[in-house]
C-alpha cells in the first residue's frame, strides 16, 4: 500500500507535465491582429468657437497643438481648444478669475 500511495501522486504529476509538454488540454487559438488605432475620421469635427464678448481676456494664442484657439461660454467663458471632442481650457474664468 505504501508503494501505491507514493507512486500515484508522482505519476499524476509526471503525467500532467508530459501532457502539458505535448499540448494536450491547451485550447488552440489563432491570434488576430489588433484593430487599427482610431483615426481622425472616427472623431466628430471640432465645433466652431462662439462669438467673443467684449469683456473677454486677450486671446492666449492663435493655435495650440495644431488646433485653433476658440472662445466658449462654458464655465463662465474661457479660451481653449477642441481636441477629440473634448474642450481643453487655456485660460481661467475671467469673471471669478479662477477655475
PDB file of N, CA and C in Angstrom:
ATOM      1  N   UNK A   1       0.815  -1.191   0.000  1.00  0.00           N
ATOM      2  CA  UNK A   1       0.000   0.000   0.000  1.00  0.00           C
ATOM      3  C   UNK A   1       0.861   1.258   0.000  1.00  0.00           C
ATOM      4  N   UNK A   2       1.987   1.165   0.658  1.00  0.00           N
ATOM      5  CA  UNK A   2       2.886   2.296   0.758  1.00  0.00           C
ATOM      6  C   UNK A   2       3.446   2.658  -0.614  1.00  0.00           C
ATOM      7  N   UNK A   3       3.731   1.649  -1.431  1.00  0.00           N
ATOM      8  CA  UNK A   3       4.233   1.888  -2.781  1.00  0.00           C
ATOM      9  C   UNK A   3       3.197   2.641  -3.607  1.00  0.00           C
ATOM     10  N   UNK A   4       1.941   2.245  -3.491  1.00  0.00           N
ATOM     11  CA  UNK A   4       0.865   2.869  -4.264  1.00  0.00           C
ATOM     12  C   UNK A   4       0.633   4.314  -3.821  1.00  0.00           C
ATOM     13  N   UNK A   5       0.681   4.605  -2.545  1.00  0.00           N
ATOM     14  CA  UNK A   5       0.442   5.971  -2.068  1.00  0.00           C
ATOM     15  C   UNK A   5       1.583   6.905  -2.415  1.00  0.00           C
ATOM     16  N   UNK A   6       2.765   6.365  -2.640  1.00  0.00           N
ATOM     17  CA  UNK A   6       3.892   7.219  -3.018  1.00  0.00           C
ATOM     18  C   UNK A   6       3.998   7.351  -4.538  1.00  0.00           C
ATOM     19  N   UNK A   7       3.634   6.343  -5.255  1.00  0.00           N
ATOM     20  CA  UNK A   7       3.802   6.330  -6.696  1.00  0.00           C
ATOM     21  C   UNK A   7       2.672   7.062  -7.417  1.00  0.00           C
ATOM     22  N   UNK A   8       1.450   6.947  -6.943  1.00  0.00           N
ATOM     23  CA  UNK A   8       0.299   7.548  -7.622  1.00  0.00           C
ATOM     24  C   UNK A   8       0.449   9.068  -7.756  1.00  0.00           C
ATOM     25  N   UNK A   9       0.771   9.817  -6.688  1.00  0.00           N
ATOM     26  CA  UNK A   9       0.919  11.267  -6.865  1.00  0.00           C
ATOM     27  C   UNK A   9       2.053  11.641  -7.822  1.00  0.00           C
ATOM     28  N   UNK A  10       3.135  10.902  -7.777  1.00  0.00           N
ATOM     29  CA  UNK A  10       4.255  11.185  -8.681  1.00  0.00           C
ATOM     30  C   UNK A  10       3.837  10.922 -10.116  1.00  0.00           C
ATOM     31  N   UNK A  11       3.084   9.850 -10.345  1.00  0.00           N
ATOM     32  CA  UNK A  11       2.625   9.517 -11.696  1.00  0.00           C
ATOM     33  C   UNK A  11       1.661  10.577 -12.216  1.00  0.00           C
ATOM     34  N   UNK A  12       0.800  11.079 -11.354  1.00  0.00           N
ATOM     35  CA  UNK A  12      -0.152  12.125 -11.775  1.00  0.00           C
ATOM     36  C   UNK A  12       0.600  13.400 -12.149  1.00  0.00           C
ATOM     37  N   UNK A  13       1.568  13.777 -11.342  1.00  0.00           N
ATOM     38  CA  UNK A  13       2.336  14.994 -11.628  1.00  0.00           C
ATOM     39  C   UNK A  13       3.131  14.844 -12.918  1.00  0.00           C
ATOM     40  N   UNK A  14       3.805  13.714 -13.081  1.00  0.00           N
ATOM     41  CA  UNK A  14       4.565  13.490 -14.320  1.00  0.00           C
ATOM     42  C   UNK A  14       3.649  13.428 -15.530  1.00  0.00           C
ATOM     43  N   UNK A  15       2.485  12.804 -15.373  1.00  0.00           N
ATOM     44  CA  UNK A  15       1.518  12.750 -16.479  1.00  0.00           C
ATOM     45  C   UNK A  15       1.064  14.147 -16.879  1.00  0.00           C
ATOM     46  N   UNK A  16       0.845  15.020 -15.890  1.00  0.00           N
ATOM     47  CA  UNK A  16       0.451  16.399 -16.190  1.00  0.00           C
ATOM     48  C   UNK A  16       1.543  17.167 -16.895  1.00  0.00           C
ATOM     49  N   UNK A  17       2.780  16.947 -16.483  1.00  0.00           N
ATOM     50  CA  UNK A  17       3.899  17.629 -17.137  1.00  0.00           C
ATOM     51  C   UNK A  17       4.058  17.173 -18.576  1.00  0.00           C
ATOM     52  N   UNK A  18       3.959  15.850 -18.798  1.00  0.00           N
ATOM     53  CA  UNK A  18       4.080  15.310 -20.159  1.00  0.00           C
ATOM     54  C   UNK A  18       2.927  15.798 -21.027  1.00  0.00           C
ATOM     55  N   UNK A  19       1.706  15.787 -20.486  1.00  0.00           N
ATOM     56  CA  UNK A  19       0.542  16.241 -21.266  1.00  0.00           C
ATOM     57  C   UNK A  19       0.684  17.725 -21.608  1.00  0.00           C
ATOM     58  N   UNK A  20       1.185  18.516 -20.662  1.00  0.00           N
ATOM     59  CA  UNK A  20       1.388  19.936 -20.938  1.00  0.00           C
ATOM     60  C   UNK A  20       2.454  20.158 -21.992  1.00  0.00           C
ATOM     61  N   UNK A  21       3.512  19.351 -21.944  1.00  0.00           N
ATOM     62  CA  UNK A  21       4.583  19.487 -22.929  1.00  0.00           C
ATOM     63  C   UNK A  21       4.100  19.121 -24.327  1.00  0.00           C
ATOM     64  N   UNK A  22       3.199  18.159 -24.399  1.00  0.00           N
ATOM     65  CA  UNK A  22       2.674  17.740 -25.698  1.00  0.00           C
ATOM     66  C   UNK A  22       1.531  18.633 -26.177  1.00  0.00           C
ATOM     67  N   UNK A  23       1.026  19.491 -25.313  1.00  0.00           N
ATOM     68  CA  UNK A  23      -0.014  20.420 -25.730  1.00  0.00           C
ATOM     69  C   UNK A  23      -1.419  19.903 -25.525  1.00  0.00           C
ATOM     70  N   UNK A  24      -1.581  18.828 -24.783  1.00  0.00           N
ATOM     71  CA  UNK A  24      -2.931  18.338 -24.522  1.00  0.00           C
ATOM     72  C   UNK A  24      -3.634  19.268 -23.542  1.00  0.00           C
ATOM     73  N   UNK A  25      -4.879  19.504 -23.787  1.00  0.00           N
ATOM     74  CA  UNK A  25      -5.663  20.342 -22.884  1.00  0.00           C
ATOM     75  C   UNK A  25      -5.534  21.827 -23.165  1.00  0.00           C
ATOM     76  N   UNK A  26      -4.607  22.206 -23.988  1.00  0.00           N
ATOM     77  CA  UNK A  26      -4.458  23.622 -24.314  1.00  0.00           C
ATOM     78  C   UNK A  26      -5.399  23.958 -25.452  1.00  0.00           C
ATOM     79  N   UNK A  27      -6.143  24.999 -25.282  1.00  0.00           N
ATOM     80  CA  UNK A  27      -7.054  25.429 -26.349  1.00  0.00           C
ATOM     81  C   UNK A  27      -6.262  26.022 -27.493  1.00  0.00           C
ATOM     82  N   UNK A  28      -6.676  25.728 -28.688  1.00  0.00           N
ATOM     83  CA  UNK A  28      -5.994  26.296 -29.838  1.00  0.00           C
ATOM     84  C   UNK A  28      -6.647  27.624 -30.165  1.00  0.00           C
ATOM     85  N   UNK A  29      -5.838  28.609 -30.348  1.00  0.00           N
ATOM     86  CA  UNK A  29      -6.365  29.919 -30.714  1.00  0.00           C
ATOM     87  C   UNK A  29      -5.464  30.515 -31.777  1.00  0.00           C
ATOM     88  N   UNK A  30      -6.081  31.241 -32.643  1.00  0.00           N
ATOM     89  CA  UNK A  30      -5.340  31.923 -33.692  1.00  0.00           C
ATOM     90  C   UNK A  30      -5.312  33.393 -33.313  1.00  0.00           C
ATOM     91  N   UNK A  31      -4.144  33.947 -33.212  1.00  0.00           N
ATOM     92  CA  UNK A  31      -4.013  35.350 -32.819  1.00  0.00           C
ATOM     93  C   UNK A  31      -4.535  36.241 -33.934  1.00  0.00           C
ATOM     94  N   UNK A  32      -5.466  37.085 -33.570  1.00  0.00           N
ATOM     95  CA  UNK A  32      -5.993  38.050 -34.531  1.00  0.00           C
ATOM     96  C   UNK A  32      -5.153  39.321 -34.442  1.00  0.00           C
ATOM     97  N   UNK A  33      -4.934  39.987 -35.556  1.00  0.00           N
ATOM     98  CA  UNK A  33      -4.170  41.234 -35.482  1.00  0.00           C
ATOM     99  C   UNK A  33      -4.968  42.281 -34.698  1.00  0.00           C
ATOM    100  N   UNK A  34      -4.286  43.166 -34.004  1.00  0.00           N
ATOM    101  CA  UNK A  34      -5.011  44.187 -33.235  1.00  0.00           C
ATOM    102  C   UNK A  34      -5.748  45.136 -34.177  1.00  0.00           C
ATOM    103  N   UNK A  35      -6.836  45.728 -33.714  1.00  0.00           N
ATOM    104  CA  UNK A  35      -7.545  46.674 -34.572  1.00  0.00           C
ATOM    105  C   UNK A  35      -6.688  47.906 -34.820  1.00  0.00           C
ATOM    106  N   UNK A  36      -6.911  48.579 -35.925  1.00  0.00           N
ATOM    107  CA  UNK A  36      -6.111  49.775 -36.201  1.00  0.00           C
ATOM    108  C   UNK A  36      -6.423  50.859 -35.171  1.00  0.00           C
ATOM    109  N   UNK A  37      -5.469  51.727 -34.898  1.00  0.00           N
ATOM    110  CA  UNK A  37      -5.732  52.803 -33.934  1.00  0.00           C
ATOM    111  C   UNK A  37      -6.801  53.741 -34.469  1.00  0.00           C
ATOM    112  N   UNK A  38      -7.578  54.359 -33.568  1.00  0.00           N
ATOM    113  CA  UNK A  38      -8.615  55.268 -34.053  1.00  0.00           C
ATOM    114  C   UNK A  38      -7.985  56.462 -34.762  1.00  0.00           C
ATOM    115  N   UNK A  39      -8.553  56.781 -35.869  1.00  0.00           N
ATOM    116  CA  UNK A  39      -8.037  57.894 -36.651  1.00  0.00           C
ATOM    117  C   UNK A  39      -8.913  59.119 -36.519  1.00  0.00           C
ATOM    118  N   UNK A  40      -8.523  60.200 -37.126  1.00  0.00           N
ATOM    119  CA  UNK A  40      -9.302  61.428 -37.030  1.00  0.00           C
ATOM    120  C   UNK A  40     -10.712  61.286 -37.586  1.00  0.00           C
ATOM    121  N   UNK A  41     -10.920  60.347 -38.508  1.00  0.00           N
ATOM    122  CA  UNK A  41     -12.246  60.196 -39.101  1.00  0.00           C
ATOM    123  C   UNK A  41     -13.259  59.672 -38.095  1.00  0.00           C
ATOM    124  N   UNK A  42     -12.811  59.023 -37.004  1.00  0.00           N
ATOM    125  CA  UNK A  42     -13.737  58.479 -36.028  1.00  0.00           C
ATOM    126  C   UNK A  42     -14.199  59.522 -35.019  1.00  0.00           C
ATOM    127  N   UNK A  43     -13.573  60.671 -34.984  1.00  0.00           N
ATOM    128  CA  UNK A  43     -13.956  61.708 -34.045  1.00  0.00           C
ATOM    129  C   UNK A  43     -14.834  62.726 -34.759  1.00  0.00           C
ATOM    130  N   UNK A  44     -15.824  63.271 -34.052  1.00  0.00           N
ATOM    131  CA  UNK A  44     -16.642  64.296 -34.702  1.00  0.00           C
ATOM    132  C   UNK A  44     -15.802  65.546 -34.946  1.00  0.00           C
ATOM    133  N   UNK A  45     -16.189  66.330 -35.925  1.00  0.00           N
ATOM    134  CA  UNK A  45     -15.411  67.549 -36.178  1.00  0.00           C
ATOM    135  C   UNK A  45     -15.513  68.496 -34.986  1.00  0.00           C
ATOM    136  N   UNK A  46     -14.472  69.256 -34.780  1.00  0.00           N
ATOM    137  CA  UNK A  46     -14.463  70.199 -33.666  1.00  0.00           C
ATOM    138  C   UNK A  46     -15.477  71.304 -33.923  1.00  0.00           C
ATOM    139  N   UNK A  47     -16.301  71.620 -32.913  1.00  0.00           N
ATOM    140  CA  UNK A  47     -17.270  72.695 -33.117  1.00  0.00           C
ATOM    141  C   UNK A  47     -16.561  74.038 -33.225  1.00  0.00           C
ATOM    142  N   UNK A  48     -17.155  74.954 -33.958  1.00  0.00           N
ATOM    143  CA  UNK A  48     -16.516  76.265 -34.079  1.00  0.00           C
ATOM    144  C   UNK A  48     -16.620  77.030 -32.767  1.00  0.00           C
ATOM    145  N   UNK A  49     -15.824  78.050 -32.638  1.00  0.00           N
ATOM    146  CA  UNK A  49     -15.878  78.892 -31.444  1.00  0.00           C
ATOM    147  C   UNK A  49     -17.113  79.780 -31.462  1.00  0.00           C
ATOM    148  N   UNK A  50     -17.427  80.320 -30.316  1.00  0.00           N
ATOM    149  CA  UNK A  50     -18.576  81.219 -30.182  1.00  0.00           C
ATOM    150  C   UNK A  50     -18.100  82.653 -30.376  1.00  0.00           C
ATOM    151  N   UNK A  51     -19.023  83.586 -30.582  1.00  0.00           N
ATOM    152  CA  UNK A  51     -18.612  84.992 -30.674  1.00  0.00           C
ATOM    153  C   UNK A  51     -17.945  85.436 -29.368  1.00  0.00           C
ATOM    154  N   UNK A  52     -16.885  86.188 -29.497  1.00  0.00           N
ATOM    155  CA  UNK A  52     -16.103  86.618 -28.330  1.00  0.00           C
ATOM    156  C   UNK A  52     -16.734  87.889 -27.750  1.00  0.00           C
ATOM    157  N   UNK A  53     -17.102  87.873 -26.450  1.00  0.00           N
ATOM    158  CA  UNK A  53     -17.666  89.094 -25.853  1.00  0.00           C
ATOM    159  C   UNK A  53     -16.577  90.152 -25.656  1.00  0.00           C
ATOM    160  N   UNK A  54     -17.004  91.415 -25.522  1.00  0.00           N
ATOM    161  CA  UNK A  54     -16.016  92.496 -25.408  1.00  0.00           C
ATOM    162  C   UNK A  54     -15.281  92.467 -24.072  1.00  0.00           C
ATOM    163  N   UNK A  55     -15.786  91.783 -23.053  1.00  0.00           N
ATOM    164  CA  UNK A  55     -15.136  91.709 -21.751  1.00  0.00           C
ATOM    165  C   UNK A  55     -14.160  90.529 -21.642  1.00  0.00           C
ATOM    166  N   UNK A  56     -14.039  89.745 -22.705  1.00  0.00           N
ATOM    167  CA  UNK A  56     -13.173  88.564 -22.672  1.00  0.00           C
ATOM    168  C   UNK A  56     -11.706  88.977 -22.571  1.00  0.00           C
ATOM    169  N   UNK A  57     -10.899  88.175 -21.879  1.00  0.00           N
ATOM    170  CA  UNK A  57      -9.464  88.477 -21.824  1.00  0.00           C
ATOM    171  C   UNK A  57      -8.812  88.273 -23.186  1.00  0.00           C
ATOM    172  N   UNK A  58      -7.585  88.736 -23.292  1.00  0.00           N
ATOM    173  CA  UNK A  58      -6.843  88.631 -24.554  1.00  0.00           C
ATOM    174  C   UNK A  58      -6.665  87.161 -24.938  1.00  0.00           C
ATOM    175  N   UNK A  59      -6.751  86.872 -26.203  1.00  0.00           N
ATOM    176  CA  UNK A  59      -6.583  85.509 -26.720  1.00  0.00           C
ATOM    177  C   UNK A  59      -5.138  85.066 -26.488  1.00  0.00           C
ATOM    178  N   UNK A  60      -4.923  83.886 -25.833  1.00  0.00           N
ATOM    179  CA  UNK A  60      -3.555  83.486 -25.497  1.00  0.00           C
ATOM    180  C   UNK A  60      -2.698  83.105 -26.703  1.00  0.00           C
ATOM    181  N   UNK A  61      -3.301  82.548 -27.727  1.00  0.00           N
ATOM    182  CA  UNK A  61      -2.557  82.140 -28.933  1.00  0.00           C
ATOM    183  C   UNK A  61      -3.557  81.887 -30.042  1.00  0.00           C
ATOM    184  N   UNK A  62      -3.072  81.849 -31.274  1.00  0.00           N
ATOM    185  CA  UNK A  62      -3.958  81.525 -32.393  1.00  0.00           C
ATOM    186  C   UNK A  62      -4.120  80.021 -32.565  1.00  0.00           C
ATOM    187  N   UNK A  63      -3.038  79.284 -32.336  1.00  0.00           N
ATOM    188  CA  UNK A  63      -3.070  77.821 -32.476  1.00  0.00           C
ATOM    189  C   UNK A  63      -2.421  77.205 -31.243  1.00  0.00           C
ATOM    190  N   UNK A  64      -2.900  76.007 -30.868  1.00  0.00           N
ATOM    191  CA  UNK A  64      -2.295  75.246 -29.776  1.00  0.00           C
ATOM    192  C   UNK A  64      -2.329  73.778 -30.156  1.00  0.00           C
ATOM    193  N   UNK A  65      -1.170  73.159 -30.246  1.00  0.00           N
ATOM    194  CA  UNK A  65      -1.049  71.739 -30.573  1.00  0.00           C
ATOM    195  C   UNK A  65      -1.777  71.404 -31.880  1.00  0.00           C
ATOM    196  N   UNK A  66      -1.672  72.303 -32.836  1.00  0.00           N
ATOM    197  CA  UNK A  66      -2.268  72.074 -34.153  1.00  0.00           C
ATOM    198  C   UNK A  66      -3.753  72.365 -34.233  1.00  0.00           C
ATOM    199  N   UNK A  67      -4.363  72.878 -33.186  1.00  0.00           N
ATOM    200  CA  UNK A  67      -5.795  73.180 -33.172  1.00  0.00           C
ATOM    201  C   UNK A  67      -5.990  74.680 -32.962  1.00  0.00           C
ATOM    202  N   UNK A  68      -7.038  75.259 -33.583  1.00  0.00           N
ATOM    203  CA  UNK A  68      -7.270  76.690 -33.385  1.00  0.00           C
ATOM    204  C   UNK A  68      -7.813  76.975 -31.979  1.00  0.00           C
ATOM    205  N   UNK A  69      -7.354  78.060 -31.397  1.00  0.00           N
ATOM    206  CA  UNK A  69      -7.845  78.501 -30.084  1.00  0.00           C
ATOM    207  C   UNK A  69      -9.159  79.237 -30.305  1.00  0.00           C
ATOM    208  N   UNK A  70     -10.201  78.826 -29.562  1.00  0.00           N
ATOM    209  CA  UNK A  70     -11.534  79.411 -29.730  1.00  0.00           C
ATOM    210  C   UNK A  70     -12.096  79.809 -28.372  1.00  0.00           C
ATOM    211  N   UNK A  71     -13.143  80.630 -28.408  1.00  0.00           N
ATOM    212  CA  UNK A  71     -13.833  81.062 -27.197  1.00  0.00           C
ATOM    213  C   UNK A  71     -15.057  80.182 -26.977  1.00  0.00           C
ATOM    214  N   UNK A  72     -15.326  79.858 -25.716  1.00  0.00           N
ATOM    215  CA  UNK A  72     -16.546  79.142 -25.357  1.00  0.00           C
ATOM    216  C   UNK A  72     -17.156  79.811 -24.136  1.00  0.00           C
ATOM    217  N   UNK A  73     -18.465  79.759 -24.033  1.00  0.00           N
ATOM    218  CA  UNK A  73     -19.139  80.350 -22.878  1.00  0.00           C
ATOM    219  C   UNK A  73     -19.281  79.357 -21.732  1.00  0.00           C
ATOM    220  N   UNK A  74     -18.771  78.129 -21.908  1.00  0.00           N
ATOM    221  CA  UNK A  74     -18.829  77.155 -20.825  1.00  0.00           C
ATOM    222  C   UNK A  74     -18.023  77.657 -19.636  1.00  0.00           C
ATOM    223  N   UNK A  75     -18.474  77.329 -18.430  1.00  0.00           N
ATOM    224  CA  UNK A  75     -17.778  77.679 -17.180  1.00  0.00           C
ATOM    225  C   UNK A  75     -17.557  79.184 -17.045  1.00  0.00           C
ATOM    226  N   UNK A  76     -18.483  79.983 -17.535  1.00  0.00           N
ATOM    227  CA  UNK A  76     -18.360  81.433 -17.405  1.00  0.00           C
ATOM    228  C   UNK A  76     -17.563  82.086 -18.523  1.00  0.00           C
ATOM    229  N   UNK A  77     -17.045  81.310 -19.437  1.00  0.00           N
ATOM    230  CA  UNK A  77     -16.287  81.827 -20.571  1.00  0.00           C
ATOM    231  C   UNK A  77     -14.805  81.519 -20.447  1.00  0.00           C
ATOM    232  N   UNK A  78     -14.259  80.921 -21.476  1.00  0.00           N
ATOM    233  CA  UNK A  78     -12.839  80.535 -21.469  1.00  0.00           C
ATOM    234  C   UNK A  78     -12.307  80.489 -22.896  1.00  0.00           C
ATOM    235  N   UNK A  79     -10.997  80.653 -22.998  1.00  0.00           N
ATOM    236  CA  UNK A  79     -10.287  80.351 -24.234  1.00  0.00           C
ATOM    237  C   UNK A  79      -9.814  78.904 -24.142  1.00  0.00           C
ATOM    238  N   UNK A  80      -9.814  78.223 -25.261  1.00  0.00           N
ATOM    239  CA  UNK A  80      -9.348  76.844 -25.261  1.00  0.00           C
ATOM    240  C   UNK A  80      -9.381  76.247 -26.652  1.00  0.00           C
ATOM    241  N   UNK A  81      -9.160  74.937 -26.717  1.00  0.00           N
ATOM    242  CA  UNK A  81      -9.167  74.217 -27.990  1.00  0.00           C
ATOM    243  C   UNK A  81     -10.041  72.975 -27.858  1.00  0.00           C
ATOM    244  N   UNK A  82     -10.610  72.563 -28.960  1.00  0.00           N
ATOM    245  CA  UNK A  82     -11.357  71.309 -29.024  1.00  0.00           C
ATOM    246  C   UNK A  82     -10.400  70.237 -29.516  1.00  0.00           C
ATOM    247  N   UNK A  83     -10.249  69.167 -28.754  1.00  0.00           N
ATOM    248  CA  UNK A  83      -9.361  68.069 -29.136  1.00  0.00           C
ATOM    249  C   UNK A  83     -10.107  66.767 -28.915  1.00  0.00           C
ATOM    250  N   UNK A  84     -10.366  66.021 -29.975  1.00  0.00           N
ATOM    251  CA  UNK A  84     -11.052  64.732 -29.919  1.00  0.00           C
ATOM    252  C   UNK A  84     -12.398  64.837 -29.212  1.00  0.00           C
ATOM    253  N   UNK A  85     -13.138  65.894 -29.497  1.00  0.00           N
ATOM    254  CA  UNK A  85     -14.475  66.038 -28.938  1.00  0.00           C
ATOM    255  C   UNK A  85     -14.514  66.563 -27.515  1.00  0.00           C
ATOM    256  N   UNK A  86     -13.377  66.923 -26.935  1.00  0.00           N
ATOM    257  CA  UNK A  86     -13.335  67.479 -25.587  1.00  0.00           C
ATOM    258  C   UNK A  86     -12.673  68.848 -25.625  1.00  0.00           C
ATOM    259  N   UNK A  87     -13.119  69.719 -24.725  1.00  0.00           N
ATOM    260  CA  UNK A  87     -12.587  71.077 -24.690  1.00  0.00           C
ATOM    261  C   UNK A  87     -11.469  71.156 -23.671  1.00  0.00           C
ATOM    262  N   UNK A  88     -10.315  71.650 -24.087  1.00  0.00           N
ATOM    263  CA  UNK A  88      -9.162  71.845 -23.209  1.00  0.00           C
ATOM    264  C   UNK A  88      -9.044  73.341 -22.966  1.00  0.00           C
ATOM    265  N   UNK A  89      -9.214  73.757 -21.710  1.00  0.00           N
ATOM    266  CA  UNK A  89      -9.176  75.184 -21.405  1.00  0.00           C
ATOM    267  C   UNK A  89      -7.740  75.686 -21.366  1.00  0.00           C
ATOM    268  N   UNK A  90      -7.567  76.909 -21.843  1.00  0.00           N
ATOM    269  CA  UNK A  90      -6.251  77.548 -21.839  1.00  0.00           C
ATOM    270  C   UNK A  90      -6.252  78.822 -21.005  1.00  0.00           C
ATOM    271  N   UNK A  91      -7.406  79.188 -20.435  1.00  0.00           N
ATOM    272  CA  UNK A  91      -7.478  80.387 -19.611  1.00  0.00           C
ATOM    273  C   UNK A  91      -8.412  80.127 -18.437  1.00  0.00           C
ATOM    274  N   UNK A  92      -8.352  80.998 -17.443  1.00  0.00           N
ATOM    275  CA  UNK A  92      -9.239  80.861 -16.290  1.00  0.00           C
ATOM    276  C   UNK A  92     -10.515  81.665 -16.545  1.00  0.00           C
ATOM    277  N   UNK A  93     -11.469  81.516 -15.638  1.00  0.00           N
ATOM    278  CA  UNK A  93     -12.730  82.223 -15.736  1.00  0.00           C
ATOM    279  C   UNK A  93     -12.462  83.715 -15.527  1.00  0.00           C
ATOM    280  N   UNK A  94     -12.782  84.570 -16.514  1.00  0.00           N
ATOM    281  CA  UNK A  94     -12.479  85.987 -16.356  1.00  0.00           C
ATOM    282  C   UNK A  94     -13.379  86.685 -15.335  1.00  0.00           C
ATOM    283  N   UNK A  95     -14.538  86.122 -15.020  1.00  0.00           N
ATOM    284  CA  UNK A  95     -15.454  86.748 -14.075  1.00  0.00           C
ATOM    285  C   UNK A  95     -14.956  86.516 -12.646  1.00  0.00           C
ATOM    286  N   UNK A  96     -14.615  85.273 -12.321  1.00  0.00           N
ATOM    287  CA  UNK A  96     -14.157  84.948 -10.964  1.00  0.00           C
ATOM    288  C   UNK A  96     -12.639  84.878 -10.865  1.00  0.00           C
ATOM    289  N   UNK A  97     -11.954  84.966 -12.011  1.00  0.00           N
ATOM    290  CA  UNK A  97     -10.504  84.859 -12.099  1.00  0.00           C
ATOM    291  C   UNK A  97     -10.002  83.571 -11.438  1.00  0.00           C
ATOM    292  N   UNK A  98     -10.699  82.503 -11.689  1.00  0.00           N
ATOM    293  CA  UNK A  98     -10.314  81.225 -11.096  1.00  0.00           C
ATOM    294  C   UNK A  98     -10.773  80.081 -11.953  1.00  0.00           C
ATOM    295  N   UNK A  99     -10.756  78.906 -11.347  1.00  0.00           N
ATOM    296  CA  UNK A  99     -11.081  77.661 -12.017  1.00  0.00           C
ATOM    297  C   UNK A  99     -12.463  77.524 -12.377  1.00  0.00           C
TER     298      UNK A  99
END
